[in-house]
C-alpha cells in the first residue's frame, strides 16, 4: 500500500527537473515546442509529493516521432490514460535510477489539460498566499487520506477550482474530456 507523502518545497527539485530535461532534450529538441516543469514541485515554496511532473509540448503530427525517440532512451508509451491529447510515458525505475522519480507526458499545444497545468503553476508562482493555501490543503488531505489517492485529490479540488476561476481557466472536465 502506497502512502501519500507531501514535503516542504525542496530547491533540488528544479535541479532534478533540469537533469531529466538534459537527458531528454538532445534527442527530441527538433521535434517539440518545449519541455515544461509542471506540478507542485515546479512552484517555489509549495509543498509537494516528491515526484517531478513534466509536460513535453508538441505540435500536430509529431507524436509518432517523439514516441519513437523517447523509446530509444527507455520511455514506454502508455497511451492517453483517458485524457485525450495527453500521452503518458513510463520507464523502468532501475534504468532511470540516476534520475528522480518523475511523470512524463507529451501534450498537444492546444490540450486543455496542458493549459490547466501551466495556468495553475503560473498562478501559484505569482500568488504566495494561494501557494500557502494550496500547501495547507495538501498537507491536510495527505494526513486525512494517507492511503487513498482519490480522496486526497478530491479534497484538494475546491482550492484548485478556485485557482482555475481566478486564472480564468476552465477545468478540463468541462471541456467534455472526462
Foldseek 3Di string as FASTA:
>chain_A
DAFFDWDWADPCLVVLVVVVCVVLCVQCVVFFDDKDFFDQNLAHGAIGRQATEIETEGEPPRVVVSQVSVVVLFWHWPQPVQFPQKTWIDGDCVSVVVGGHYTYIYGYPPRLVVVLRVQVRVLCNVDVVLSVVLRVQLVVLSVVCGPDVVSSVVSSVVSSVVSCVVSVRDPVVVVVSD
